[in-house]
Structures are given as structure tokens and as C-alpha cells.
């Protein structure tokens, strides 16, 4: 892993790692409908005629449940565990510009195809090491529920 150090950044050194932050759309399918969704394809547009279709790779969603700490001092070890919550999650990689994008979601639900949207969202530039380090990809987040995209 590479590191970049900025010595002239406001008097303190900032260490930037090579952590990745790909461009794309984070997707959550609410638990109320997740079991019925067998596939999800996003149509992502950012200018007239500039659209891409991507099949989402979905995985079971989970909640983090606090397991507590073995003490209260700064050296205490704390833990959490992931508990399945019935939702589905995924990430659709797509080279997005920062700013407004439009998304439609096409699902196969109970053997039938249905399209939700369009939904306008903002793709925002990520800074995985903080704003003093180089930017990562542009990302947006959507949720699909009973009432459609949000």
C-alpha cells in the first residue's frame, strides 16, 4: 500500500493511502420486498443519450450489532457482529460524473419484470482519506422499496 504525505498542508502532516473508492451506485433493497427480487438492472443517465445499463450483483444485507467492550480505557477491545436483516445490498460500478444523474431500476419480481423511476440523485465525489487527500470516485446511493426508488 502506498502512502502520500503532505508536509505543507496547514502545518500538520496528512498521510494519504491508496485506499480505493470506485465510482458507481450503492443500492439497498428494503427487506419488505427483497425476498421477491431476483434481479436488478440499473439504467444510469447523466446527459441525454449518455446512459449505461448495469446488472447489480446483490448480496444479503445485515445490521451491525454492538457486542460491547472489555473495558472503558483507550486500549479496550470492542466488537460487533453482522446480523442478517432481510434486505439486499449491492454496488453497481459505473464511471459517473459528479452532479445530477438519473436512475431507473428494472427488477424481476415474482417472475414479472417491472421498472421503477426515473429518480434524480446527486453523484458526489468521495474522499476516502479525507478532504486533504486526493479524491476517489463519484458515488450515489439509492433504495428500492414498496413505493419505488428513493
N, C-alpha and C. Protein backbone atom coordinates (compact mmCIF):
# COMPACT_ATOMS: atom_id res chain seq x y z
N UNK A 1 0.85 -1.16 0.00
CA UNK A 1 0.00 0.00 0.00
C UNK A 1 0.90 1.23 0.00
N UNK A 2 0.63 2.16 -0.89
CA UNK A 2 1.43 3.37 -0.98
C UNK A 2 0.90 4.45 -0.06
N UNK A 3 1.78 5.34 0.33
CA UNK A 3 1.39 6.45 1.18
C UNK A 3 1.87 7.74 0.56
N UNK A 4 1.10 8.78 0.72
CA UNK A 4 1.46 10.12 0.29
C UNK A 4 1.38 11.01 1.51
N UNK A 5 2.44 11.75 1.79
CA UNK A 5 2.45 12.63 2.95
C UNK A 5 2.50 14.06 2.46
N UNK A 6 1.65 14.88 3.03
CA UNK A 6 1.59 16.29 2.67
C UNK A 6 2.15 17.11 3.83
N UNK A 7 3.38 17.61 3.70
CA UNK A 7 4.01 18.35 4.77
C UNK A 7 3.61 19.82 4.80
N UNK A 8 3.06 20.34 3.71
CA UNK A 8 2.69 21.76 3.65
C UNK A 8 1.18 21.93 3.73
N UNK A 9 0.52 21.04 4.40
CA UNK A 9 -0.94 21.07 4.49
C UNK A 9 -1.38 21.66 5.82
N UNK A 10 -1.26 22.95 5.97
CA UNK A 10 -1.75 23.60 7.18
C UNK A 10 -0.91 23.33 8.41
N UNK A 11 0.36 22.99 8.26
CA UNK A 11 1.23 22.85 9.41
C UNK A 11 1.29 21.45 10.00
N UNK A 12 0.39 20.56 9.64
CA UNK A 12 0.46 19.20 10.14
C UNK A 12 0.55 18.25 8.96
N UNK A 13 1.14 17.10 9.19
CA UNK A 13 1.28 16.15 8.11
C UNK A 13 0.02 15.31 7.96
N UNK A 14 -0.38 15.11 6.73
CA UNK A 14 -1.53 14.29 6.40
C UNK A 14 -1.02 13.09 5.62
N UNK A 15 -1.40 11.90 6.02
CA UNK A 15 -1.00 10.70 5.32
C UNK A 15 -2.16 10.20 4.49
N UNK A 16 -1.91 10.04 3.19
CA UNK A 16 -2.93 9.57 2.27
C UNK A 16 -2.55 8.17 1.81
N UNK A 17 -3.48 7.23 1.91
CA UNK A 17 -3.22 5.85 1.49
C UNK A 17 -3.75 5.64 0.08
N UNK A 18 -3.53 4.46 -0.44
CA UNK A 18 -4.03 4.09 -1.77
C UNK A 18 -5.40 3.42 -1.68
N UNK A 19 -6.14 3.70 -0.63
CA UNK A 19 -7.46 3.09 -0.48
C UNK A 19 -8.32 3.45 -1.68
N UNK A 20 -9.08 2.49 -2.15
CA UNK A 20 -9.91 2.72 -3.32
C UNK A 20 -11.30 3.18 -2.96
N UNK A 21 -11.87 3.96 -3.84
CA UNK A 21 -13.26 4.39 -3.73
C UNK A 21 -13.80 4.46 -5.16
N UNK A 22 -14.28 3.35 -5.67
CA UNK A 22 -14.70 3.31 -7.07
C UNK A 22 -15.93 4.18 -7.32
N UNK A 23 -16.11 4.54 -8.56
CA UNK A 23 -17.27 5.31 -9.00
C UNK A 23 -18.43 4.34 -9.23
N UNK A 24 -19.63 4.72 -8.79
CA UNK A 24 -20.79 3.86 -9.01
C UNK A 24 -21.95 4.19 -8.10
N UNK A 25 -22.91 3.27 -8.06
CA UNK A 25 -24.16 3.47 -7.31
C UNK A 25 -24.31 2.38 -6.26
N UNK A 26 -24.49 2.80 -4.99
CA UNK A 26 -24.81 1.89 -3.89
C UNK A 26 -26.31 1.65 -3.89
N UNK A 27 -26.72 0.40 -3.78
CA UNK A 27 -28.13 0.02 -3.85
C UNK A 27 -28.53 -0.76 -2.60
N UNK A 28 -29.69 -0.41 -2.03
CA UNK A 28 -30.29 -1.21 -0.97
C UNK A 28 -31.71 -1.54 -1.40
N UNK A 29 -32.10 -2.80 -1.25
CA UNK A 29 -33.48 -3.22 -1.47
C UNK A 29 -34.08 -3.50 -0.10
N UNK A 30 -35.14 -2.77 0.23
CA UNK A 30 -35.78 -2.91 1.54
C UNK A 30 -36.18 -4.35 1.81
N UNK A 31 -36.11 -4.72 3.08
CA UNK A 31 -36.41 -6.10 3.50
C UNK A 31 -37.83 -6.52 3.16
N UNK A 32 -38.77 -5.57 3.07
CA UNK A 32 -40.17 -5.92 2.79
C UNK A 32 -40.35 -6.53 1.40
N UNK A 33 -39.45 -6.22 0.45
CA UNK A 33 -39.59 -6.75 -0.91
C UNK A 33 -38.38 -7.55 -1.37
N UNK A 34 -37.31 -7.56 -0.60
CA UNK A 34 -36.04 -8.16 -1.04
C UNK A 34 -36.17 -9.63 -1.43
N UNK A 35 -36.92 -10.39 -0.70
CA UNK A 35 -37.02 -11.83 -0.99
C UNK A 35 -37.65 -12.08 -2.35
N UNK A 36 -38.47 -11.15 -2.83
CA UNK A 36 -39.15 -11.32 -4.11
C UNK A 36 -38.34 -10.82 -5.31
N UNK A 37 -37.25 -10.11 -5.06
CA UNK A 37 -36.44 -9.54 -6.15
C UNK A 37 -35.37 -10.55 -6.54
N UNK A 38 -35.42 -10.96 -7.81
CA UNK A 38 -34.48 -11.97 -8.28
C UNK A 38 -33.36 -11.37 -9.13
N UNK A 39 -33.57 -10.20 -9.70
CA UNK A 39 -32.50 -9.49 -10.40
C UNK A 39 -32.83 -8.01 -10.44
N UNK A 40 -31.80 -7.20 -10.58
CA UNK A 40 -31.94 -5.75 -10.61
C UNK A 40 -30.96 -5.19 -11.63
N UNK A 41 -31.48 -4.43 -12.58
CA UNK A 41 -30.65 -3.74 -13.56
C UNK A 41 -30.90 -2.25 -13.44
N UNK A 42 -29.82 -1.48 -13.33
CA UNK A 42 -29.94 -0.02 -13.26
C UNK A 42 -29.61 0.58 -14.62
N UNK A 43 -30.43 1.54 -15.04
CA UNK A 43 -30.13 2.38 -16.18
C UNK A 43 -29.73 3.73 -15.59
N UNK A 44 -28.49 4.11 -15.82
CA UNK A 44 -27.93 5.33 -15.22
C UNK A 44 -27.62 6.30 -16.36
N UNK A 45 -28.20 7.52 -16.25
CA UNK A 45 -28.00 8.54 -17.29
C UNK A 45 -27.49 9.82 -16.66
N UNK A 46 -26.60 10.53 -17.34
CA UNK A 46 -26.12 11.82 -16.84
C UNK A 46 -26.16 12.90 -17.89
N UNK A 47 -26.60 12.58 -19.08
CA UNK A 47 -26.82 13.55 -20.15
C UNK A 47 -27.70 12.86 -21.19
N UNK A 48 -28.46 13.63 -21.96
CA UNK A 48 -29.28 12.98 -23.00
C UNK A 48 -28.42 12.08 -23.89
N UNK A 49 -28.84 10.85 -24.03
CA UNK A 49 -28.13 9.90 -24.86
C UNK A 49 -26.88 9.32 -24.22
N UNK A 50 -26.59 9.69 -22.99
CA UNK A 50 -25.41 9.19 -22.31
C UNK A 50 -25.85 8.32 -21.13
N UNK A 51 -26.29 7.10 -21.44
CA UNK A 51 -26.83 6.18 -20.44
C UNK A 51 -26.08 4.85 -20.51
N UNK A 52 -26.02 4.18 -19.36
CA UNK A 52 -25.44 2.84 -19.29
C UNK A 52 -26.38 1.95 -18.49
N UNK A 53 -26.44 0.67 -18.86
CA UNK A 53 -27.20 -0.33 -18.13
C UNK A 53 -26.23 -1.26 -17.42
N UNK A 54 -26.51 -1.53 -16.15
CA UNK A 54 -25.65 -2.42 -15.38
C UNK A 54 -26.50 -3.34 -14.52
N UNK A 55 -26.20 -4.63 -14.57
CA UNK A 55 -26.83 -5.61 -13.70
C UNK A 55 -26.18 -5.52 -12.33
N UNK A 56 -26.99 -5.41 -11.27
CA UNK A 56 -26.46 -5.30 -9.91
C UNK A 56 -26.13 -6.69 -9.37
N UNK A 57 -25.00 -6.79 -8.73
CA UNK A 57 -24.61 -8.01 -8.03
C UNK A 57 -25.10 -7.84 -6.59
N UNK A 58 -26.17 -8.54 -6.22
CA UNK A 58 -26.81 -8.36 -4.92
C UNK A 58 -26.33 -9.38 -3.90
N UNK A 59 -26.25 -8.93 -2.65
CA UNK A 59 -25.86 -9.79 -1.53
C UNK A 59 -26.82 -9.55 -0.37
N UNK A 60 -26.92 -10.49 0.56
CA UNK A 60 -27.78 -10.26 1.72
C UNK A 60 -27.29 -9.06 2.54
N UNK A 61 -28.22 -8.24 2.99
CA UNK A 61 -27.89 -7.10 3.85
C UNK A 61 -27.82 -7.54 5.31
N UNK A 62 -27.17 -6.74 6.12
CA UNK A 62 -27.01 -7.05 7.54
C UNK A 62 -26.94 -5.77 8.35
N UNK A 63 -27.27 -5.88 9.62
CA UNK A 63 -27.11 -4.80 10.58
C UNK A 63 -25.93 -5.15 11.48
N UNK A 64 -25.19 -4.14 11.90
CA UNK A 64 -24.11 -4.33 12.87
C UNK A 64 -24.70 -4.27 14.27
N UNK A 65 -24.44 -5.29 15.07
CA UNK A 65 -24.94 -5.34 16.43
C UNK A 65 -23.75 -5.24 17.38
N UNK A 66 -23.79 -4.23 18.24
CA UNK A 66 -22.73 -3.97 19.21
C UNK A 66 -22.62 -5.15 20.18
N UNK A 67 -21.39 -5.66 20.34
CA UNK A 67 -21.14 -6.76 21.27
C UNK A 67 -20.45 -6.26 22.54
N UNK A 68 -20.28 -4.94 22.63
CA UNK A 68 -19.69 -4.37 23.83
C UNK A 68 -18.18 -4.33 23.80
N UNK A 69 -17.61 -3.85 24.90
CA UNK A 69 -16.16 -3.71 25.05
C UNK A 69 -15.71 -4.44 26.31
N UNK A 70 -14.44 -4.78 26.35
CA UNK A 70 -13.92 -5.49 27.52
C UNK A 70 -13.36 -4.52 28.57
N UNK A 71 -13.68 -3.27 28.47
CA UNK A 71 -13.24 -2.25 29.41
C UNK A 71 -13.62 -0.88 28.89
N UNK A 72 -13.19 0.15 29.64
CA UNK A 72 -13.55 1.50 29.22
C UNK A 72 -12.34 2.35 28.86
N UNK A 73 -11.15 1.82 28.99
CA UNK A 73 -9.94 2.58 28.70
C UNK A 73 -9.64 2.66 27.22
N UNK A 74 -8.63 3.43 26.84
CA UNK A 74 -8.29 3.61 25.43
C UNK A 74 -7.76 2.33 24.78
N UNK A 75 -7.33 1.36 25.55
CA UNK A 75 -6.84 0.10 25.00
C UNK A 75 -7.90 -1.00 25.02
N UNK A 76 -9.13 -0.65 25.38
CA UNK A 76 -10.20 -1.66 25.45
C UNK A 76 -10.51 -2.19 24.06
N UNK A 77 -10.78 -3.47 23.99
CA UNK A 77 -11.18 -4.09 22.73
C UNK A 77 -12.70 -4.12 22.65
N UNK A 78 -13.22 -3.68 21.52
CA UNK A 78 -14.67 -3.66 21.30
C UNK A 78 -14.98 -4.51 20.08
N UNK A 79 -16.20 -5.03 20.02
CA UNK A 79 -16.56 -5.86 18.87
C UNK A 79 -18.02 -5.65 18.49
N UNK A 80 -18.32 -6.08 17.29
CA UNK A 80 -19.68 -6.06 16.76
C UNK A 80 -19.82 -7.27 15.86
N UNK A 81 -21.04 -7.65 15.59
CA UNK A 81 -21.29 -8.76 14.68
C UNK A 81 -22.35 -8.35 13.67
N UNK A 82 -22.29 -8.96 12.50
CA UNK A 82 -23.27 -8.69 11.46
C UNK A 82 -24.42 -9.68 11.59
N UNK A 83 -25.64 -9.15 11.62
CA UNK A 83 -26.83 -9.97 11.72
C UNK A 83 -27.69 -9.73 10.48
N UNK A 84 -27.99 -10.79 9.71
CA UNK A 84 -28.81 -10.60 8.51
C UNK A 84 -30.11 -9.89 8.85
N UNK A 85 -30.51 -8.94 7.97
CA UNK A 85 -31.73 -8.17 8.23
C UNK A 85 -32.81 -8.34 7.18
N UNK A 86 -32.59 -9.22 6.21
CA UNK A 86 -33.62 -9.48 5.20
C UNK A 86 -33.55 -8.57 3.98
N UNK A 87 -32.71 -7.54 4.01
CA UNK A 87 -32.56 -6.66 2.85
C UNK A 87 -31.56 -7.27 1.88
N UNK A 88 -31.39 -6.63 0.74
CA UNK A 88 -30.32 -6.98 -0.19
C UNK A 88 -29.57 -5.69 -0.50
N UNK A 89 -28.26 -5.83 -0.68
CA UNK A 89 -27.42 -4.68 -0.98
C UNK A 89 -26.54 -4.98 -2.18
N UNK A 90 -26.06 -3.94 -2.81
CA UNK A 90 -25.16 -4.12 -3.94
C UNK A 90 -24.49 -2.82 -4.31
N UNK A 91 -23.51 -2.93 -5.18
CA UNK A 91 -22.81 -1.77 -5.72
C UNK A 91 -22.72 -1.98 -7.22
N UNK A 92 -23.14 -0.96 -7.97
CA UNK A 92 -23.09 -1.02 -9.43
C UNK A 92 -21.97 -0.10 -9.89
N UNK A 93 -20.84 -0.66 -10.34
CA UNK A 93 -19.74 0.19 -10.79
C UNK A 93 -20.11 0.88 -12.10
N UNK A 94 -19.88 2.18 -12.16
CA UNK A 94 -20.13 2.96 -13.37
C UNK A 94 -19.33 4.25 -13.27
N UNK A 95 -18.67 4.63 -14.36
CA UNK A 95 -17.91 5.88 -14.37
C UNK A 95 -18.88 7.04 -14.44
N UNK A 96 -19.11 7.68 -13.30
CA UNK A 96 -20.10 8.74 -13.19
C UNK A 96 -19.43 10.10 -13.08
N UNK A 97 -20.04 11.12 -13.68
CA UNK A 97 -19.59 12.48 -13.40
C UNK A 97 -20.15 12.92 -12.06
N UNK A 98 -19.53 13.89 -11.42
CA UNK A 98 -20.12 14.47 -10.21
C UNK A 98 -21.31 15.32 -10.64
N UNK A 99 -22.39 15.27 -9.86
CA UNK A 99 -23.57 16.07 -10.16
C UNK A 99 -24.79 15.20 -10.37
N UNK A 100 -25.81 15.79 -10.97
CA UNK A 100 -27.10 15.13 -11.13
C UNK A 100 -27.02 13.99 -12.14
N UNK A 101 -27.53 12.84 -11.71
CA UNK A 101 -27.72 11.69 -12.60
C UNK A 101 -29.15 11.21 -12.44
N UNK A 102 -29.63 10.47 -13.41
CA UNK A 102 -30.98 9.91 -13.38
C UNK A 102 -30.87 8.40 -13.43
N UNK A 103 -31.64 7.73 -12.55
CA UNK A 103 -31.56 6.27 -12.45
C UNK A 103 -32.96 5.67 -12.59
N UNK A 104 -33.03 4.60 -13.37
CA UNK A 104 -34.21 3.74 -13.41
C UNK A 104 -33.76 2.35 -12.98
N UNK A 105 -34.64 1.65 -12.28
CA UNK A 105 -34.34 0.30 -11.82
C UNK A 105 -35.35 -0.66 -12.42
N UNK A 106 -34.85 -1.69 -13.09
CA UNK A 106 -35.71 -2.73 -13.65
C UNK A 106 -35.45 -4.00 -12.85
N UNK A 107 -36.53 -4.55 -12.29
CA UNK A 107 -36.41 -5.74 -11.47
C UNK A 107 -37.23 -6.88 -12.04
N UNK A 108 -36.80 -8.09 -11.69
CA UNK A 108 -37.64 -9.27 -11.91
C UNK A 108 -38.14 -9.64 -10.53
N UNK A 109 -39.44 -9.49 -10.35
CA UNK A 109 -40.07 -9.72 -9.05
C UNK A 109 -41.23 -10.68 -9.24
N UNK A 110 -41.17 -11.81 -8.57
CA UNK A 110 -42.21 -12.84 -8.69
C UNK A 110 -42.46 -13.21 -10.15
N UNK A 111 -41.38 -13.31 -10.93
CA UNK A 111 -41.48 -13.73 -12.32
C UNK A 111 -41.88 -12.65 -13.29
N UNK A 112 -42.12 -11.44 -12.81
CA UNK A 112 -42.53 -10.35 -13.69
C UNK A 112 -41.50 -9.24 -13.68
N UNK A 113 -41.30 -8.64 -14.84
CA UNK A 113 -40.38 -7.51 -14.95
C UNK A 113 -41.13 -6.21 -14.68
N UNK A 114 -40.50 -5.33 -13.89
CA UNK A 114 -41.12 -4.04 -13.56
C UNK A 114 -40.02 -2.98 -13.48
N UNK A 115 -40.33 -1.78 -13.96
CA UNK A 115 -39.36 -0.67 -13.92
C UNK A 115 -39.83 0.39 -12.94
N UNK A 116 -38.90 0.86 -12.11
CA UNK A 116 -39.16 1.92 -11.14
C UNK A 116 -38.34 3.14 -11.54
N UNK A 117 -38.87 4.32 -11.29
CA UNK A 117 -38.16 5.55 -11.58
C UNK A 117 -38.77 6.24 -12.77
N UNK A 118 -38.12 7.23 -13.30
CA UNK A 118 -36.76 7.65 -13.00
C UNK A 118 -36.66 8.43 -11.69
N UNK A 119 -35.45 8.42 -11.14
CA UNK A 119 -35.14 9.16 -9.91
C UNK A 119 -33.88 9.97 -10.17
N UNK A 120 -33.95 11.27 -9.87
CA UNK A 120 -32.77 12.13 -9.96
C UNK A 120 -32.03 12.11 -8.63
N UNK A 121 -30.75 11.84 -8.68
CA UNK A 121 -29.90 11.84 -7.48
C UNK A 121 -28.60 12.57 -7.81
N UNK A 122 -27.88 12.95 -6.77
CA UNK A 122 -26.57 13.58 -6.94
C UNK A 122 -25.48 12.54 -6.74
N UNK A 123 -24.59 12.45 -7.73
CA UNK A 123 -23.37 11.65 -7.57
C UNK A 123 -22.34 12.58 -6.95
N UNK A 124 -21.81 12.18 -5.82
CA UNK A 124 -20.87 13.03 -5.08
C UNK A 124 -19.48 12.42 -5.10
N UNK A 125 -18.50 13.27 -5.17
CA UNK A 125 -17.11 12.84 -5.15
C UNK A 125 -16.77 12.33 -3.76
N UNK A 126 -16.12 11.18 -3.69
CA UNK A 126 -15.73 10.60 -2.41
C UNK A 126 -14.30 11.01 -2.06
N UNK A 127 -14.02 11.08 -0.78
CA UNK A 127 -12.69 11.37 -0.26
C UNK A 127 -12.38 10.34 0.82
N UNK A 128 -11.96 9.13 0.42
CA UNK A 128 -11.79 8.04 1.38
C UNK A 128 -10.75 8.31 2.47
N UNK A 129 -9.81 9.21 2.23
CA UNK A 129 -8.81 9.57 3.23
C UNK A 129 -9.06 10.96 3.81
N UNK A 130 -10.18 11.56 3.50
CA UNK A 130 -10.49 12.90 3.96
C UNK A 130 -10.21 13.95 2.89
N UNK A 131 -10.70 15.16 3.11
CA UNK A 131 -10.61 16.19 2.09
C UNK A 131 -9.20 16.70 1.81
N UNK A 132 -8.22 16.41 2.65
CA UNK A 132 -6.85 16.85 2.40
C UNK A 132 -6.10 15.92 1.46
N UNK A 133 -6.74 14.82 1.05
CA UNK A 133 -6.11 13.84 0.18
C UNK A 133 -6.84 13.80 -1.17
N UNK A 134 -6.23 13.15 -2.15
CA UNK A 134 -6.87 13.08 -3.47
C UNK A 134 -8.26 12.43 -3.42
N UNK A 135 -9.10 12.84 -4.35
CA UNK A 135 -10.48 12.35 -4.44
C UNK A 135 -10.52 10.92 -4.96
N UNK A 136 -11.59 10.22 -4.58
CA UNK A 136 -11.88 8.90 -5.13
C UNK A 136 -12.94 9.05 -6.21
N UNK A 137 -13.71 8.00 -6.43
CA UNK A 137 -14.75 8.02 -7.45
C UNK A 137 -15.98 8.80 -7.03
N UNK A 138 -16.85 9.04 -7.98
CA UNK A 138 -18.13 9.70 -7.71
C UNK A 138 -19.17 8.62 -7.44
N UNK A 139 -19.93 8.78 -6.33
CA UNK A 139 -20.90 7.77 -5.93
C UNK A 139 -22.26 8.37 -5.63
N UNK A 140 -23.28 7.56 -5.85
CA UNK A 140 -24.66 7.89 -5.49
C UNK A 140 -25.22 6.71 -4.72
N UNK A 141 -26.29 6.95 -3.97
CA UNK A 141 -26.94 5.92 -3.17
C UNK A 141 -28.43 5.95 -3.42
N UNK A 142 -29.02 4.76 -3.67
CA UNK A 142 -30.46 4.66 -3.86
C UNK A 142 -31.00 3.50 -3.02
N UNK A 143 -32.30 3.56 -2.75
CA UNK A 143 -33.00 2.48 -2.06
C UNK A 143 -34.25 2.16 -2.87
N UNK A 144 -34.52 0.87 -3.02
CA UNK A 144 -35.74 0.41 -3.68
C UNK A 144 -36.64 -0.20 -2.62
N UNK A 145 -37.84 0.36 -2.51
CA UNK A 145 -38.82 -0.13 -1.56
C UNK A 145 -40.16 -0.39 -2.23
N UNK A 146 -41.16 -0.70 -1.45
CA UNK A 146 -42.50 -0.96 -1.99
C UNK A 146 -43.03 0.19 -2.84
N UNK A 147 -42.66 1.42 -2.43
CA UNK A 147 -43.15 2.61 -3.14
C UNK A 147 -42.25 3.06 -4.26
N UNK A 148 -41.23 2.30 -4.59
CA UNK A 148 -40.33 2.66 -5.69
C UNK A 148 -38.97 3.10 -5.21
N UNK A 149 -38.30 3.88 -6.07
CA UNK A 149 -36.94 4.35 -5.77
C UNK A 149 -36.97 5.59 -4.90
N UNK A 150 -35.99 5.67 -4.03
CA UNK A 150 -35.77 6.88 -3.23
C UNK A 150 -34.31 7.01 -2.92
